[in-house]
Protein backbone atom coordinates (compact mmCIF):
# COMPACT_ATOMS: atom_id res chain seq x y z
CA MET A 1 21.38 21.52 -5.44
CA PRO A 2 21.93 19.37 -8.54
CA VAL A 3 19.30 16.78 -9.42
CA THR A 4 20.94 13.48 -8.45
CA GLU A 5 17.92 11.44 -7.38
CA PRO A 6 14.73 10.22 -9.04
CA SER A 7 11.63 12.38 -8.70
CA LEU A 8 9.27 11.12 -6.00
CA LEU A 9 5.52 10.89 -5.47
CA LEU A 10 4.78 10.01 -1.83
CA LEU A 11 1.28 8.69 -0.98
CA ILE A 12 -0.14 8.88 2.54
CA PRO A 13 -3.50 7.13 3.08
CA ALA A 14 -5.48 8.73 5.90
CA TYR A 15 -8.56 7.78 7.88
CA ASN A 16 -9.59 10.16 10.67
CA GLU A 17 -6.06 11.45 11.29
CA GLU A 18 -6.98 15.01 12.30
CA SER A 19 -5.12 14.78 15.61
CA ARG A 20 -1.74 13.56 14.36
CA ILE A 21 -1.23 14.10 10.62
CA GLU A 22 -0.12 17.76 10.76
CA PRO A 23 3.29 17.20 12.41
CA VAL A 24 3.88 14.22 10.11
CA LEU A 25 3.22 16.30 6.99
CA ARG A 26 5.42 19.13 8.25
CA GLU A 27 8.26 16.73 9.06
CA TYR A 28 8.13 15.16 5.61
CA ALA A 29 7.82 18.48 3.78
CA HIS A 30 10.71 20.06 5.71
CA TYR A 31 12.91 17.02 5.21
CA PHE A 32 12.41 16.63 1.47
CA GLN A 33 12.73 20.35 0.84
CA GLY A 34 16.06 20.40 2.60
CA GLN A 35 17.53 16.94 1.98
CA TYR A 36 16.14 15.68 -1.30
CA GLY A 37 17.94 16.38 -4.54
CA SER A 38 15.00 16.19 -6.95
CA LYS A 39 11.33 17.04 -7.40
CA PHE A 40 8.80 15.54 -5.01
CA ARG A 41 5.06 15.59 -4.26
CA ILE A 42 3.16 14.45 -1.20
CA VAL A 43 -0.42 13.32 -1.84
CA VAL A 44 -2.70 12.50 1.09
CA VAL A 45 -5.49 10.12 0.05
CA LEU A 46 -8.39 10.54 2.47
CA ASN A 47 -10.53 7.44 2.97
CA GLY A 48 -14.00 8.26 4.32
CA CYS A 49 -12.75 10.67 7.00
CA ARG A 50 -15.42 11.85 9.43
CA ASP A 51 -13.23 14.41 11.19
CA ASN A 52 -11.34 17.47 9.95
CA THR A 53 -8.38 15.64 8.40
CA LEU A 54 -9.04 17.35 5.06
CA GLY A 55 -9.04 20.80 6.68
CA VAL A 56 -5.73 20.05 8.42
CA VAL A 57 -4.10 18.86 5.19
CA ARG A 58 -5.34 21.93 3.32
CA ARG A 59 -3.97 24.22 6.02
CA VAL A 60 -0.51 22.65 5.86
CA ALA A 61 -0.64 22.64 2.05
CA ARG A 62 -0.98 26.43 2.03
CA GLU A 63 2.48 26.55 3.59
CA PHE A 64 3.97 23.69 1.55
CA PRO A 65 2.80 23.66 -2.09
CA SER A 66 4.27 20.17 -2.56
CA ILE A 67 1.39 18.78 -0.44
CA GLU A 68 -2.06 18.05 -1.86
CA ALA A 69 -5.11 16.00 -0.92
CA VAL A 70 -7.40 13.60 -2.73
CA ASP A 71 -10.64 13.11 -0.81
CA PHE A 72 -12.93 10.06 -1.03
CA PRO A 73 -15.95 10.89 1.18
CA ASP A 74 -17.07 7.27 1.51
CA PRO A 75 -14.86 4.65 3.21
CA ILE A 76 -12.87 2.61 0.68
CA GLY A 77 -10.33 1.00 3.03
CA LYS A 78 -6.63 1.68 3.36
CA GLY A 79 -5.93 -0.63 0.44
CA GLY A 80 -8.63 1.06 -1.60
CA ALA A 81 -7.07 4.46 -0.90
CA LEU A 82 -3.67 3.22 -2.04
CA ILE A 83 -5.14 1.64 -5.17
CA GLU A 84 -6.67 5.01 -6.02
CA GLY A 85 -3.42 6.82 -5.25
CA LEU A 86 -1.37 4.42 -7.34
CA LYS A 87 -3.58 5.18 -10.33
CA MET A 88 -1.43 8.30 -10.63
CA ALA A 89 1.29 6.05 -12.08
CA ALA A 90 -0.49 6.37 -15.42
CA SER A 91 -0.44 10.18 -15.42
CA THR A 92 2.44 11.39 -13.25
CA SER A 93 5.92 12.13 -14.55
CA MET A 94 7.52 11.09 -11.26
CA ASP A 95 10.08 8.29 -11.42
CA VAL A 96 9.31 6.67 -8.06
CA ILE A 97 6.07 6.19 -6.13
CA ALA A 98 6.28 5.45 -2.41
CA TYR A 99 3.85 5.25 0.47
CA VAL A 100 3.85 5.48 4.26
CA ASP A 101 1.25 5.57 7.03
CA ALA A 102 -0.16 8.82 8.34
CA ASP A 103 0.91 8.15 11.95
CA GLY A 104 4.58 8.96 11.40
CA ALA A 105 5.82 5.47 12.31
CA SER A 106 8.27 5.72 9.39
CA PRO A 107 10.42 8.88 9.46
CA PRO A 108 11.17 10.66 6.16
CA GLN A 109 14.79 9.51 6.18
CA ALA A 110 13.50 5.90 6.06
CA VAL A 111 11.69 6.65 2.80
CA HIS A 112 14.71 8.48 1.43
CA ALA A 113 16.87 5.44 2.21
CA LEU A 114 14.60 3.28 0.05
CA VAL A 115 14.64 5.73 -2.85
CA LYS A 116 18.45 5.75 -2.81
CA LEU A 117 18.36 2.01 -3.58
CA MET A 118 15.97 2.20 -6.53
CA ASP A 119 18.80 1.55 -8.98
CA GLN A 120 19.04 -1.97 -7.52
CA ALA A 121 15.44 -3.14 -7.87
CA ASP A 122 11.97 -2.33 -9.16
CA ALA A 123 10.59 -2.20 -5.61
CA VAL A 124 12.45 -1.48 -2.37
CA ILE A 125 10.53 -2.24 0.82
CA GLY A 126 11.31 -1.60 4.46
CA SER A 127 11.40 -4.47 6.95
CA ARG A 128 11.10 -4.43 10.72
CA TRP A 129 12.16 -8.07 10.93
CA LEU A 130 15.55 -8.00 9.23
CA SER A 131 18.80 -7.66 11.14
CA GLY A 132 19.77 -4.00 11.28
CA ALA A 133 16.25 -2.62 11.64
CA VAL A 134 16.02 0.27 14.12
CA LEU A 135 12.90 -0.03 16.28
CA HIS A 136 12.55 2.96 18.58
CA GLN A 137 9.30 1.53 19.96
CA ALA A 138 8.47 -2.09 19.14
CA GLN A 139 4.97 -3.46 18.65
CA THR A 140 3.18 -5.13 21.56
CA ARG A 141 3.71 -8.84 22.09
CA LEU A 142 0.21 -9.54 20.79
CA ARG A 143 0.86 -7.54 17.63
CA ARG A 144 4.18 -9.32 17.09
CA PHE A 145 2.52 -12.70 17.58
CA THR A 146 -0.30 -12.01 15.12
CA SER A 147 2.23 -10.52 12.69
CA ARG A 148 4.31 -13.70 12.68
CA CYS A 149 1.19 -15.88 12.31
CA PHE A 150 0.16 -13.79 9.31
CA HIS A 151 3.68 -14.04 7.87
CA LEU A 152 3.51 -17.83 8.16
CA LEU A 153 0.15 -17.90 6.36
CA VAL A 154 1.47 -15.69 3.55
CA GLU A 155 4.62 -17.79 3.19
CA VAL A 156 2.71 -21.09 3.11
CA LEU A 157 0.17 -19.90 0.54
CA LEU A 158 2.26 -17.56 -1.64
CA ARG A 159 5.94 -18.38 -0.95
CA MET A 160 7.21 -14.87 -1.57
CA HIS A 161 10.11 -15.21 0.93
CA ILE A 162 9.53 -11.68 2.26
CA LYS A 163 10.01 -11.20 6.01
CA ASP A 164 7.74 -8.18 6.43
CA THR A 165 5.03 -7.72 3.81
CA GLN A 166 3.08 -5.31 6.03
CA CYS A 167 5.63 -2.59 6.78
CA PRO A 168 3.99 0.53 5.29
CA CYS A 169 7.23 2.01 4.01
CA LYS A 170 7.68 1.01 0.39
CA ALA A 171 8.96 2.53 -2.85
CA PHE A 172 8.42 1.42 -6.46
CA ARG A 173 9.40 2.36 -9.96
CA ARG A 174 6.46 4.15 -11.53
CA THR A 175 6.66 1.93 -14.61
CA ALA A 176 6.31 -1.22 -12.47
CA VAL A 177 3.24 0.13 -10.67
CA GLU A 178 1.66 1.13 -13.96
CA GLN A 179 2.07 -2.38 -15.35
CA ILE A 180 0.55 -4.30 -12.43
CA HIS A 181 -2.07 -1.79 -11.23
CA SER A 182 -4.95 -3.61 -12.91
CA SER A 183 -4.29 -6.66 -10.69
CA LEU A 184 -4.76 -4.75 -7.41
CA ARG A 185 -8.03 -5.86 -5.81
CA ILE A 186 -7.57 -6.06 -2.04
CA ALA A 187 -8.91 -2.95 -0.29
CA ASP A 188 -8.20 -3.99 3.30
CA LEU A 189 -4.90 -4.21 5.19
CA ALA A 190 -3.73 -7.20 3.14
CA PHE A 191 -3.31 -4.84 0.18
CA ASP A 192 0.49 -4.99 0.58
CA VAL A 193 0.43 -8.74 -0.08
CA ASN A 194 -1.66 -8.22 -3.21
CA LEU A 195 0.78 -5.58 -4.47
CA LEU A 196 3.96 -7.56 -3.74
CA PHE A 197 2.60 -10.81 -5.13
CA SER A 198 1.50 -9.04 -8.33
CA LEU A 199 5.00 -7.61 -8.74
CA LYS A 200 6.53 -11.05 -8.19
CA GLN A 201 4.18 -12.67 -10.69
CA ALA A 202 5.04 -10.02 -13.29
CA GLY A 203 8.77 -10.70 -12.89
CA PHE A 204 9.79 -7.51 -11.09
CA LYS A 205 12.66 -7.52 -8.60
CA ILE A 206 11.84 -6.73 -4.95
CA LEU A 207 14.58 -5.72 -2.52
CA GLU A 208 13.77 -5.95 1.21
CA VAL A 209 15.97 -3.88 3.54
CA PRO A 210 15.96 -3.08 7.28
CA THR A 211 14.16 0.11 8.14
CA GLU A 212 13.64 2.60 10.97
CA TRP A 213 10.33 2.32 12.80
CA THR A 214 8.42 3.61 15.84
CA ASP A 215 5.18 1.87 16.80
CA LYS A 216 2.58 4.57 17.47
CA VAL A 217 -0.10 4.67 20.15
CA GLY A 218 -3.64 4.59 18.80
CA SER A 219 -3.09 2.18 15.92
CA LYS A 220 -6.36 1.33 14.19
CA VAL A 221 -5.09 -2.20 13.64
CA THR A 222 -4.63 -2.80 17.37
CA SER A 223 -8.11 -1.48 18.22
CA ALA A 224 -9.75 -4.13 16.01
CA LEU A 225 -6.97 -6.71 15.90
CA PHE A 226 -9.05 -9.88 15.78
CA ARG A 227 -11.39 -8.64 13.06
CA SER A 228 -8.51 -7.18 11.03
CA SER A 229 -6.57 -10.45 11.28
CA LEU A 230 -9.50 -12.52 10.04
CA THR A 231 -10.09 -10.14 7.15
CA MET A 232 -6.44 -10.21 6.12
CA ALA A 233 -6.32 -14.02 6.30
CA LEU A 234 -9.40 -14.23 4.09
CA SER A 235 -7.86 -11.81 1.59
CA VAL A 236 -4.59 -13.75 1.39
CA LEU A 237 -6.55 -16.95 0.72
CA ARG A 238 -8.46 -15.08 -1.95
CA ILE A 239 -5.23 -13.96 -3.63
CA ARG A 240 -4.01 -17.56 -3.68
CA LEU A 241 -7.27 -18.75 -5.27
CA ILE A 242 -7.26 -16.01 -7.92
CA TYR A 243 -3.94 -17.34 -9.18
CA SER A 244 -5.11 -20.96 -9.10
CA PRO A 245 -6.96 -22.97 -11.79
CA PHE A 246 -9.85 -23.52 -9.41
CA TYR A 247 -11.03 -19.95 -8.92
CA ASN A 248 -13.72 -19.98 -11.59
CA TRP A 249 -15.18 -23.12 -10.04
CA LEU A 250 -15.86 -21.13 -6.89
CA ARG A 251 -18.15 -18.57 -8.52
CA PRO A 252 -21.25 -19.91 -6.70
CA LEU A 253 -19.56 -19.11 -3.37
CA ARG A 254 -18.91 -15.43 -4.13
CA PRO A 255 -22.11 -14.21 -2.42
CA LEU A 256 -20.87 -15.99 0.72
CA GLU A 257 -17.50 -14.26 0.33
CA GLY A 258 -19.22 -10.88 0.20
CA TRP A 259 -21.33 -11.75 3.26
CA ILE A 260 -18.20 -12.63 5.25
CA TYR A 261 -16.50 -9.31 4.38
CA ARG A 262 -19.64 -7.42 5.39
CA LYS A 263 -19.86 -9.29 8.70
CA LEU A 264 -16.23 -8.40 9.37
CA LYS A 265 -17.04 -4.75 8.52
CA ALA A 266 -14.20 -4.82 6.01
CA PRO A 267 -13.91 -3.20 2.57
CA GLN A 268 -14.74 -5.80 -0.07
CA PRO A 269 -12.24 -6.66 -2.82
CA LEU A 270 -12.55 -4.54 -5.93
CA PRO A 271 -13.84 -5.95 -9.22
CA ASN A 272 -11.62 -6.38 -12.25
CA THR A 273 -12.30 -3.26 -14.27
CA SER A 274 -10.22 -4.57 -17.16
CA GLY A 275 -12.55 -7.46 -17.87
CA LYS A 276 -14.21 -8.42 -21.14
CA LYS A 277 -17.08 -6.52 -22.66
CA GLY A 278 -20.44 -8.17 -22.06
CA GLU A 279 -23.82 -7.65 -23.65
CA GLY A 280 -24.96 -4.08 -23.97
CA GLY A 281 -21.38 -2.81 -23.81
CA LYS A 282 -21.10 -3.28 -20.04
CA THR A 283 -17.91 -4.57 -18.49
CA GLU A 284 -18.03 -8.01 -16.92
CA HIS A 285 -16.02 -7.93 -13.71
CA LEU A 286 -13.96 -11.06 -14.21
CA LEU A 287 -11.59 -11.69 -11.34
CA ARG A 288 -8.46 -13.16 -12.83
CA PRO A 289 -4.69 -12.68 -12.54
CA PRO A 290 -3.06 -10.22 -14.94
CA GLU A 291 -1.02 -11.44 -17.84
CA THR A 292 2.68 -11.58 -17.08
CA ARG A 293 4.58 -9.41 -19.49
CA PRO A 294 8.33 -8.88 -19.83
CA ARG A 295 9.70 -5.54 -18.70
CA ASP A 296 11.09 -3.14 -21.22
CA GLY A 297 14.67 -4.03 -22.03
CA LYS A 298 14.65 -7.11 -19.76
């Protein structure tokens, strides 16, 4: 088959997915081997798994060499796992980096549909809320209600005009990810907002399109919905403050911020590892928005 598509690196964050990740990996590997016209890799980023997820991934990888695992023994959050996975933008030769959840809610053809549109934007993201979306199994009423409340909060604070920031089926140009990676801080489920807002601030084009989706039983979001919602709301407020002139005035409150994240049992935001050098050669973790730079040729 001639190479007619960009090469693809697909990230799958995983936390205790021993019971359901194997058929998902097999479905993706079979699909891209048979339907994709270019090189691809699937990297599972394990986030503090306490079950045999790693063993399952390794077993499937023996059959499909395109699959590999990166294991973080301590919990770093779903956002933290994706931040680590997206670091590969600096070293991989792949043209496009995408990610999906480990539960199989997004079928491989949904990812492929996004990649086919990469010539139209720097980021192409799936949406469950646009006309034309195919929902084989919709979310519960409670999940839909909290989702729309979160969308309203994001729109009021950040005004990104994106209908579905949280759909975990997204694809990006590697060069765009590499440029904004240093601004990714949010390690919890609001990571998607951090990523999309950083792309917007840097001047990259985001295309939102209807996607195919099946809500899966056993969602970790549903099992801790109230706590997850509070954490995500706090993180969105934090993103807004980082990009405001008042953030440095709030330094005395940062211990309180850390206490709230701990009480919510949520992964705390990451420090800015690209900060200034302090005394003794150590890096001061200054939380600040990245500089906006023009894209090559734009």
